[in-house]
């Protein structure tokens, strides 16, 4: 039920956006659940399930570009969607926040997915002009931020959704 409500909200937002001379949406998520606290930990079973769920949620959101970091778990999170869409994600330095913001603001008419980290997502959203975003805890993997550009602007607003309950 939670998944259905989140999916419905995303579709409503996407539809409303197209009705007003489409200005792009940026979907931002933290990588899915990881095996351990190791710096290069890969996704665990729940994380792989969340990645698959994310791909189903966004498969028809007309995503034109995916940004991931050099850390493999972000790539694993985006991989199921990238396979459905038939293109490879753009790999970025996880701490080049300004570089990512510049790339996002250079294409404000396309829908884009960003898979990043708990410490960088708030900075990215703040840099996009969405205001301050509360800290993401180390055990929180289900936030889906939907950033919508204000018409004719490189700034906008953000809506927070929860997606894919992957924990028993």
N, C-alpha and C. Protein backbone atom coordinates (compact mmCIF):
# COMPACT_ATOMS: atom_id res chain seq x y z
N UNK A 1 0.82 -1.18 0.00
CA UNK A 1 0.00 0.00 0.00
C UNK A 1 0.87 1.25 0.00
N UNK A 2 1.94 1.22 0.83
CA UNK A 2 2.85 2.36 0.90
C UNK A 2 3.48 2.60 -0.46
N UNK A 3 3.88 1.52 -1.13
CA UNK A 3 4.48 1.62 -2.46
C UNK A 3 3.49 2.23 -3.44
N UNK A 4 2.24 1.77 -3.38
CA UNK A 4 1.23 2.26 -4.30
C UNK A 4 0.99 3.75 -4.11
N UNK A 5 0.92 4.19 -2.86
CA UNK A 5 0.71 5.62 -2.59
C UNK A 5 1.88 6.44 -3.11
N UNK A 6 3.10 5.96 -2.90
CA UNK A 6 4.27 6.68 -3.39
C UNK A 6 4.29 6.73 -4.91
N UNK A 7 3.99 5.60 -5.52
CA UNK A 7 3.98 5.56 -6.99
C UNK A 7 2.93 6.50 -7.55
N UNK A 8 1.77 6.51 -6.93
CA UNK A 8 0.70 7.39 -7.38
C UNK A 8 1.10 8.85 -7.26
N UNK A 9 1.75 9.22 -6.14
CA UNK A 9 2.19 10.60 -5.95
C UNK A 9 3.20 11.00 -7.02
N UNK A 10 4.13 10.11 -7.34
CA UNK A 10 5.13 10.41 -8.38
C UNK A 10 4.44 10.62 -9.72
N UNK A 11 3.49 9.76 -10.05
CA UNK A 11 2.80 9.88 -11.32
C UNK A 11 1.97 11.16 -11.40
N UNK A 12 1.35 11.53 -10.31
CA UNK A 12 0.58 12.78 -10.29
C UNK A 12 1.50 13.97 -10.50
N UNK A 13 2.64 13.97 -9.78
CA UNK A 13 3.61 15.05 -9.96
C UNK A 13 4.10 15.12 -11.40
N UNK A 14 4.44 13.97 -11.96
CA UNK A 14 4.95 13.94 -13.34
C UNK A 14 3.88 14.44 -14.31
N UNK A 15 2.65 14.00 -14.13
CA UNK A 15 1.58 14.44 -15.01
C UNK A 15 1.33 15.93 -14.91
N UNK A 16 1.33 16.47 -13.71
CA UNK A 16 1.12 17.90 -13.51
C UNK A 16 2.24 18.69 -14.17
N UNK A 17 3.44 18.16 -14.10
CA UNK A 17 4.57 18.85 -14.71
C UNK A 17 4.39 18.94 -16.22
N UNK A 18 3.98 17.85 -16.85
CA UNK A 18 3.81 17.87 -18.30
C UNK A 18 2.68 18.80 -18.72
N UNK A 19 1.68 18.96 -17.87
CA UNK A 19 0.56 19.82 -18.21
C UNK A 19 0.97 21.29 -18.27
N UNK A 20 2.09 21.67 -17.64
CA UNK A 20 2.52 23.07 -17.63
C UNK A 20 3.81 23.23 -18.41
N UNK A 21 3.80 22.96 -19.68
CA UNK A 21 5.02 23.10 -20.47
C UNK A 21 6.19 22.47 -19.72
N UNK A 22 6.26 21.21 -19.77
CA UNK A 22 7.19 20.40 -18.99
C UNK A 22 8.49 21.09 -18.59
N UNK A 23 8.68 21.21 -17.31
CA UNK A 23 9.99 21.54 -16.78
C UNK A 23 10.40 20.30 -16.02
N UNK A 24 11.68 19.99 -16.05
CA UNK A 24 12.16 18.69 -15.59
C UNK A 24 11.97 18.41 -14.11
N UNK A 25 11.97 17.14 -13.80
CA UNK A 25 11.97 16.65 -12.44
C UNK A 25 13.32 15.99 -12.19
N UNK A 26 13.83 16.16 -10.99
CA UNK A 26 15.03 15.44 -10.58
C UNK A 26 14.61 14.54 -9.43
N UNK A 27 14.75 13.24 -9.63
CA UNK A 27 14.47 12.25 -8.60
C UNK A 27 15.80 11.94 -7.91
N UNK A 28 15.84 12.04 -6.60
CA UNK A 28 17.08 11.82 -5.88
C UNK A 28 16.86 10.79 -4.78
N UNK A 29 17.73 9.78 -4.74
CA UNK A 29 17.66 8.75 -3.71
C UNK A 29 19.06 8.47 -3.17
N UNK A 30 19.07 8.00 -1.96
CA UNK A 30 20.31 7.46 -1.39
C UNK A 30 20.43 6.05 -1.96
N UNK A 31 21.67 5.56 -2.07
CA UNK A 31 21.85 4.17 -2.49
C UNK A 31 21.04 3.27 -1.57
N UNK A 32 20.73 2.08 -2.02
CA UNK A 32 19.94 1.13 -1.24
C UNK A 32 20.79 0.50 -0.13
N UNK A 33 20.15 -0.36 0.66
CA UNK A 33 20.79 -0.98 1.82
C UNK A 33 22.09 -1.68 1.44
N UNK A 34 23.07 -1.55 2.33
CA UNK A 34 24.39 -2.12 2.06
C UNK A 34 24.72 -3.24 3.05
N UNK A 35 25.71 -4.05 2.66
CA UNK A 35 26.07 -5.23 3.44
C UNK A 35 26.70 -4.91 4.79
N UNK A 36 27.42 -3.80 4.87
CA UNK A 36 28.14 -3.47 6.10
C UNK A 36 28.42 -1.98 6.13
N UNK A 37 29.15 -1.53 7.13
CA UNK A 37 29.54 -0.12 7.23
C UNK A 37 30.88 0.15 6.53
N UNK A 38 31.43 -0.85 5.86
CA UNK A 38 32.68 -0.67 5.13
C UNK A 38 32.49 0.40 4.06
N UNK A 39 33.56 1.13 3.79
CA UNK A 39 33.48 2.24 2.83
C UNK A 39 32.98 1.79 1.44
N UNK A 40 33.41 0.63 1.00
CA UNK A 40 33.04 0.14 -0.33
C UNK A 40 32.03 -1.00 -0.29
N UNK A 41 31.22 -1.05 0.77
CA UNK A 41 30.24 -2.14 0.91
C UNK A 41 29.27 -2.15 -0.27
N UNK A 42 28.94 -3.34 -0.71
CA UNK A 42 27.98 -3.51 -1.80
C UNK A 42 26.57 -3.64 -1.23
N UNK A 43 25.57 -3.71 -2.10
CA UNK A 43 24.20 -3.86 -1.64
C UNK A 43 23.97 -5.25 -1.05
N UNK A 44 23.12 -5.31 -0.03
CA UNK A 44 22.71 -6.59 0.51
C UNK A 44 21.41 -7.03 -0.17
N UNK A 45 20.79 -8.10 0.32
CA UNK A 45 19.57 -8.64 -0.30
C UNK A 45 18.46 -7.58 -0.33
N UNK A 46 18.24 -6.89 0.78
CA UNK A 46 17.21 -5.86 0.83
C UNK A 46 17.53 -4.72 -0.14
N UNK A 47 18.81 -4.39 -0.24
CA UNK A 47 19.23 -3.34 -1.15
C UNK A 47 18.98 -3.69 -2.60
N UNK A 48 19.26 -4.93 -2.96
CA UNK A 48 18.99 -5.36 -4.33
C UNK A 48 17.48 -5.35 -4.60
N UNK A 49 16.69 -5.73 -3.60
CA UNK A 49 15.23 -5.68 -3.73
C UNK A 49 14.75 -4.24 -3.90
N UNK A 50 15.33 -3.31 -3.11
CA UNK A 50 14.94 -1.89 -3.22
C UNK A 50 15.32 -1.34 -4.60
N UNK A 51 16.49 -1.72 -5.10
CA UNK A 51 16.91 -1.24 -6.42
C UNK A 51 15.93 -1.71 -7.50
N UNK A 52 15.49 -2.93 -7.39
CA UNK A 52 14.51 -3.45 -8.35
C UNK A 52 13.19 -2.71 -8.21
N UNK A 53 12.78 -2.46 -6.98
CA UNK A 53 11.54 -1.73 -6.73
C UNK A 53 11.62 -0.31 -7.31
N UNK A 54 12.77 0.34 -7.12
CA UNK A 54 12.97 1.69 -7.68
C UNK A 54 12.84 1.67 -9.20
N UNK A 55 13.36 0.62 -9.82
CA UNK A 55 13.27 0.53 -11.28
C UNK A 55 11.83 0.41 -11.74
N UNK A 56 11.01 -0.33 -11.00
CA UNK A 56 9.59 -0.44 -11.36
C UNK A 56 8.87 0.88 -11.14
N UNK A 57 9.22 1.56 -10.06
CA UNK A 57 8.58 2.83 -9.73
C UNK A 57 8.86 3.90 -10.79
N UNK A 58 10.10 3.96 -11.28
CA UNK A 58 10.50 5.03 -12.20
C UNK A 58 10.59 4.61 -13.67
N UNK A 59 10.22 3.39 -13.97
CA UNK A 59 10.37 2.88 -15.35
C UNK A 59 9.63 3.73 -16.37
N UNK A 60 8.51 4.33 -16.00
CA UNK A 60 7.73 5.11 -16.95
C UNK A 60 7.76 6.60 -16.63
N UNK A 61 8.74 7.03 -15.85
CA UNK A 61 8.85 8.44 -15.46
C UNK A 61 9.64 9.26 -16.48
N UNK A 62 9.92 8.67 -17.62
CA UNK A 62 10.64 9.34 -18.70
C UNK A 62 11.99 9.91 -18.25
N UNK A 63 12.71 9.10 -17.49
CA UNK A 63 14.07 9.46 -17.06
C UNK A 63 14.95 9.49 -18.30
N UNK A 64 15.69 10.58 -18.49
CA UNK A 64 16.57 10.72 -19.65
C UNK A 64 18.05 10.57 -19.30
N UNK A 65 18.35 10.69 -18.00
CA UNK A 65 19.74 10.58 -17.57
C UNK A 65 19.76 10.11 -16.13
N UNK A 66 20.78 9.31 -15.79
CA UNK A 66 20.98 8.83 -14.43
C UNK A 66 22.39 9.20 -14.01
N UNK A 67 22.51 9.81 -12.84
CA UNK A 67 23.81 10.09 -12.25
C UNK A 67 24.02 9.18 -11.05
N UNK A 68 25.19 8.56 -10.99
CA UNK A 68 25.60 7.72 -9.86
C UNK A 68 27.00 8.17 -9.45
N UNK A 69 27.48 7.67 -8.32
CA UNK A 69 28.83 8.03 -7.91
C UNK A 69 29.80 6.90 -8.25
N UNK A 70 31.06 7.14 -7.96
CA UNK A 70 32.10 6.15 -8.20
C UNK A 70 31.96 4.95 -7.27
N UNK A 71 31.18 5.09 -6.21
CA UNK A 71 30.98 4.00 -5.25
C UNK A 71 29.99 3.01 -5.85
N UNK A 72 30.39 1.75 -5.92
CA UNK A 72 29.64 0.75 -6.68
C UNK A 72 28.20 0.56 -6.21
N UNK A 73 27.92 0.75 -4.92
CA UNK A 73 26.55 0.51 -4.46
C UNK A 73 25.55 1.51 -5.06
N UNK A 74 26.01 2.71 -5.42
CA UNK A 74 25.10 3.64 -6.10
C UNK A 74 24.81 3.13 -7.51
N UNK A 75 25.81 2.56 -8.13
CA UNK A 75 25.64 2.00 -9.47
C UNK A 75 24.71 0.78 -9.42
N UNK A 76 24.87 -0.04 -8.36
CA UNK A 76 24.00 -1.21 -8.20
C UNK A 76 22.54 -0.77 -7.98
N UNK A 77 22.35 0.33 -7.30
CA UNK A 77 21.00 0.84 -7.04
C UNK A 77 20.34 1.28 -8.34
N UNK A 78 21.09 1.91 -9.21
CA UNK A 78 20.55 2.43 -10.47
C UNK A 78 20.51 1.38 -11.58
N UNK A 79 21.26 0.32 -11.46
CA UNK A 79 21.43 -0.64 -12.56
C UNK A 79 20.13 -1.23 -13.09
N UNK A 80 19.19 -1.69 -12.25
CA UNK A 80 17.96 -2.25 -12.82
C UNK A 80 17.19 -1.24 -13.68
N UNK A 81 17.11 0.01 -13.26
CA UNK A 81 16.43 1.03 -14.06
C UNK A 81 17.20 1.32 -15.34
N UNK A 82 18.51 1.44 -15.23
CA UNK A 82 19.33 1.71 -16.41
C UNK A 82 19.14 0.61 -17.47
N UNK A 83 19.04 -0.63 -17.02
CA UNK A 83 18.82 -1.74 -17.96
C UNK A 83 17.47 -1.62 -18.64
N UNK A 84 16.45 -1.27 -17.88
CA UNK A 84 15.12 -1.10 -18.47
C UNK A 84 15.14 0.02 -19.51
N UNK A 85 15.81 1.11 -19.17
CA UNK A 85 15.82 2.29 -20.04
C UNK A 85 16.81 2.17 -21.20
N UNK A 86 17.77 1.25 -21.07
CA UNK A 86 18.71 1.00 -22.17
C UNK A 86 19.85 1.99 -22.28
N UNK A 87 20.26 2.60 -21.18
CA UNK A 87 21.45 3.45 -21.22
C UNK A 87 22.24 3.35 -19.92
N UNK A 88 23.50 3.77 -20.01
CA UNK A 88 24.39 3.68 -18.85
C UNK A 88 24.35 4.97 -18.04
N UNK A 89 24.39 4.83 -16.72
CA UNK A 89 24.44 6.02 -15.87
C UNK A 89 25.76 6.79 -16.04
N UNK A 90 25.69 8.07 -15.74
CA UNK A 90 26.87 8.92 -15.72
C UNK A 90 27.50 8.78 -14.34
N UNK A 91 28.79 8.40 -14.31
CA UNK A 91 29.49 8.22 -13.03
C UNK A 91 30.18 9.53 -12.66
N UNK A 92 29.94 9.98 -11.44
CA UNK A 92 30.49 11.25 -10.97
C UNK A 92 31.26 11.07 -9.68
N UNK A 93 32.08 12.01 -9.37
CA UNK A 93 32.77 12.06 -8.09
C UNK A 93 31.72 12.36 -7.02
N UNK A 94 31.64 11.56 -5.95
CA UNK A 94 30.58 11.77 -4.96
C UNK A 94 30.64 13.11 -4.24
N UNK A 95 31.80 13.75 -4.26
CA UNK A 95 31.94 15.01 -3.53
C UNK A 95 32.05 16.23 -4.44
N UNK A 96 31.85 16.04 -5.74
CA UNK A 96 31.81 17.18 -6.64
C UNK A 96 30.36 17.66 -6.75
N UNK A 97 29.86 18.17 -5.64
CA UNK A 97 28.47 18.60 -5.55
C UNK A 97 28.18 19.71 -6.56
N UNK A 98 29.05 20.70 -6.62
CA UNK A 98 28.82 21.83 -7.52
C UNK A 98 28.84 21.39 -8.98
N UNK A 99 29.72 20.46 -9.31
CA UNK A 99 29.76 19.94 -10.68
C UNK A 99 28.46 19.26 -11.06
N UNK A 100 27.91 18.46 -10.13
CA UNK A 100 26.63 17.80 -10.39
C UNK A 100 25.50 18.83 -10.53
N UNK A 101 25.47 19.79 -9.61
CA UNK A 101 24.43 20.83 -9.67
C UNK A 101 24.49 21.57 -11.01
N UNK A 102 25.69 21.88 -11.46
CA UNK A 102 25.84 22.56 -12.75
C UNK A 102 25.27 21.71 -13.89
N UNK A 103 25.54 20.40 -13.85
CA UNK A 103 25.02 19.51 -14.90
C UNK A 103 23.49 19.41 -14.84
N UNK A 104 22.95 19.34 -13.63
CA UNK A 104 21.50 19.27 -13.48
C UNK A 104 20.84 20.56 -13.97
N UNK A 105 21.42 21.69 -13.62
CA UNK A 105 20.84 22.98 -14.01
C UNK A 105 21.03 23.28 -15.49
N UNK A 106 21.94 22.58 -16.14
CA UNK A 106 22.13 22.75 -17.58
C UNK A 106 21.02 22.07 -18.38
N UNK A 107 20.28 21.18 -17.71
CA UNK A 107 19.20 20.46 -18.40
C UNK A 107 17.96 20.44 -17.51
N UNK A 108 17.28 21.56 -17.44
CA UNK A 108 16.12 21.68 -16.55
C UNK A 108 14.82 21.19 -17.19
N UNK A 109 14.90 20.64 -18.39
CA UNK A 109 13.68 20.16 -19.04
C UNK A 109 13.57 18.64 -19.06
N UNK A 110 14.62 17.94 -18.65
CA UNK A 110 14.59 16.47 -18.65
C UNK A 110 14.36 15.93 -17.25
N UNK A 111 13.77 14.74 -17.18
CA UNK A 111 13.65 14.03 -15.91
C UNK A 111 14.94 13.24 -15.69
N UNK A 112 15.50 13.39 -14.50
CA UNK A 112 16.82 12.83 -14.19
C UNK A 112 16.76 12.12 -12.85
N UNK A 113 17.47 11.01 -12.72
CA UNK A 113 17.64 10.31 -11.45
C UNK A 113 19.05 10.53 -10.95
N UNK A 114 19.19 10.85 -9.67
CA UNK A 114 20.49 10.96 -9.01
C UNK A 114 20.50 9.95 -7.87
N UNK A 115 21.50 9.06 -7.87
CA UNK A 115 21.69 8.12 -6.76
C UNK A 115 22.98 8.53 -6.07
N UNK A 116 22.86 8.96 -4.81
CA UNK A 116 24.02 9.49 -4.09
C UNK A 116 24.06 8.90 -2.68
N UNK A 117 24.51 9.69 -1.73
CA UNK A 117 24.79 9.22 -0.37
C UNK A 117 24.07 10.08 0.66
N UNK A 118 23.95 9.54 1.86
CA UNK A 118 23.22 10.24 2.93
C UNK A 118 23.84 11.59 3.26
N UNK A 119 25.15 11.73 3.11
CA UNK A 119 25.80 13.01 3.44
C UNK A 119 25.81 13.99 2.27
N UNK A 120 25.59 13.52 1.06
CA UNK A 120 25.63 14.43 -0.09
C UNK A 120 24.25 14.86 -0.59
N UNK A 121 23.23 14.02 -0.41
CA UNK A 121 21.89 14.38 -0.91
C UNK A 121 21.38 15.71 -0.36
N UNK A 122 21.48 15.96 0.96
CA UNK A 122 21.02 17.27 1.44
C UNK A 122 21.78 18.44 0.82
N UNK A 123 23.07 18.27 0.58
CA UNK A 123 23.88 19.32 -0.03
C UNK A 123 23.46 19.57 -1.49
N UNK A 124 23.16 18.49 -2.20
CA UNK A 124 22.72 18.62 -3.59
C UNK A 124 21.39 19.38 -3.64
N UNK A 125 20.45 18.98 -2.80
CA UNK A 125 19.14 19.62 -2.79
C UNK A 125 19.23 21.08 -2.38
N UNK A 126 20.05 21.37 -1.39
CA UNK A 126 20.25 22.76 -0.98
C UNK A 126 20.85 23.56 -2.13
N UNK A 127 21.83 22.97 -2.81
CA UNK A 127 22.47 23.63 -3.94
C UNK A 127 21.52 23.90 -5.10
N UNK A 128 20.51 23.04 -5.24
CA UNK A 128 19.51 23.23 -6.29
C UNK A 128 18.49 24.31 -5.92
N UNK A 129 18.53 24.74 -4.67
CA UNK A 129 17.61 25.79 -4.25
C UNK A 129 16.36 25.27 -3.56
N UNK A 130 16.41 24.05 -3.05
CA UNK A 130 15.25 23.45 -2.40
C UNK A 130 15.18 23.77 -0.91
N UNK A 131 16.13 24.53 -0.39
CA UNK A 131 16.15 24.83 1.04
C UNK A 131 16.89 23.75 1.81
N UNK A 132 16.83 23.83 3.12
CA UNK A 132 17.52 22.88 3.98
C UNK A 132 16.75 21.56 4.06
N UNK A 133 17.45 20.46 3.92
CA UNK A 133 16.87 19.13 4.01
C UNK A 133 17.39 18.48 5.28
N UNK A 134 16.51 17.89 6.08
CA UNK A 134 16.97 17.23 7.31
C UNK A 134 17.98 16.13 7.01
N UNK A 135 18.86 15.90 7.98
CA UNK A 135 19.89 14.87 7.86
C UNK A 135 19.24 13.50 7.62
N UNK A 136 19.89 12.70 6.81
CA UNK A 136 19.44 11.34 6.53
C UNK A 136 20.24 10.40 7.42
N UNK A 137 19.56 9.59 8.21
CA UNK A 137 20.27 8.69 9.13
C UNK A 137 20.94 7.55 8.36
N UNK A 138 21.88 6.93 9.02
CA UNK A 138 22.63 5.83 8.39
C UNK A 138 21.77 4.60 8.13
N UNK A 139 20.60 4.52 8.76
CA UNK A 139 19.73 3.36 8.58
C UNK A 139 18.52 3.67 7.71
N UNK A 140 18.53 4.81 7.06
CA UNK A 140 17.39 5.26 6.26
C UNK A 140 17.72 5.17 4.76
N UNK A 141 16.95 4.35 4.07
CA UNK A 141 17.23 4.13 2.65
C UNK A 141 16.01 4.35 1.75
N UNK A 142 14.89 4.75 2.32
CA UNK A 142 13.64 4.78 1.56
C UNK A 142 13.17 6.17 1.15
N UNK A 143 13.99 7.18 1.33
CA UNK A 143 13.56 8.53 0.93
C UNK A 143 13.73 8.71 -0.57
N UNK A 144 12.69 9.24 -1.17
CA UNK A 144 12.73 9.61 -2.59
C UNK A 144 12.38 11.09 -2.65
N UNK A 145 13.36 11.89 -3.00
CA UNK A 145 13.15 13.33 -3.14
C UNK A 145 12.80 13.61 -4.60
N UNK A 146 11.74 14.37 -4.81
CA UNK A 146 11.35 14.76 -6.16
C UNK A 146 11.48 16.28 -6.23
N UNK A 147 12.49 16.72 -6.97
CA UNK A 147 12.75 18.15 -7.11
C UNK A 147 12.11 18.63 -8.40
N UNK A 148 11.34 19.71 -8.31
CA UNK A 148 10.65 20.28 -9.46
C UNK A 148 11.14 21.71 -9.66
N UNK A 149 11.66 21.98 -10.83
CA UNK A 149 12.11 23.34 -11.14
C UNK A 149 10.91 24.28 -11.24
N UNK A 150 11.05 25.45 -10.68
CA UNK A 150 10.04 26.49 -10.89
C UNK A 150 10.12 26.89 -12.36
N UNK A 151 8.98 27.19 -12.95
CA UNK A 151 8.94 27.52 -14.38
C UNK A 151 9.87 28.70 -14.69
N UNK A 152 10.75 28.50 -15.67
CA UNK A 152 11.68 29.54 -16.08
C UNK A 152 12.80 29.79 -15.10
N UNK A 153 13.06 28.84 -14.20
CA UNK A 153 14.06 29.05 -13.15
C UNK A 153 14.95 27.83 -13.02
N UNK A 154 16.10 28.03 -12.42
CA UNK A 154 16.99 26.91 -12.10
C UNK A 154 16.87 26.55 -10.63
N UNK A 155 15.88 27.07 -9.94
CA UNK A 155 15.59 26.72 -8.56
C UNK A 155 14.21 26.10 -8.52
N UNK A 156 13.84 25.53 -7.37
CA UNK A 156 12.54 24.91 -7.31
C UNK A 156 12.17 24.43 -5.94
N UNK A 157 11.28 23.46 -5.92
CA UNK A 157 10.78 22.91 -4.68
C UNK A 157 10.98 21.40 -4.67
N UNK A 158 10.94 20.83 -3.47
CA UNK A 158 11.15 19.39 -3.33
C UNK A 158 9.99 18.77 -2.57
N UNK A 159 9.61 17.58 -3.01
CA UNK A 159 8.62 16.77 -2.32
C UNK A 159 9.32 15.50 -1.85
N UNK A 160 9.08 15.13 -0.60
CA UNK A 160 9.67 13.91 -0.05
C UNK A 160 8.65 12.80 -0.06
N UNK A 161 9.03 11.67 -0.64
CA UNK A 161 8.20 10.47 -0.64
C UNK A 161 9.01 9.34 -0.01
N UNK A 162 8.33 8.31 0.40
CA UNK A 162 8.97 7.07 0.87
C UNK A 162 8.64 6.00 -0.15
N UNK A 163 9.60 5.14 -0.43
CA UNK A 163 9.34 4.12 -1.44
C UNK A 163 9.85 2.76 -1.00
N UNK A 164 9.16 1.72 -1.43
CA UNK A 164 9.60 0.34 -1.34
C UNK A 164 9.98 -0.11 0.06
N UNK A 165 9.03 -0.61 0.80
CA UNK A 165 9.29 -1.16 2.13
C UNK A 165 9.94 -2.53 1.95
N UNK A 166 11.26 -2.58 2.09
CA UNK A 166 12.01 -3.81 1.81
C UNK A 166 12.42 -4.56 3.08
N UNK A 167 12.05 -4.05 4.23
CA UNK A 167 12.41 -4.71 5.48
C UNK A 167 11.20 -5.45 6.03
N UNK A 168 11.43 -6.72 6.45
CA UNK A 168 10.31 -7.53 6.96
C UNK A 168 9.72 -6.95 8.23
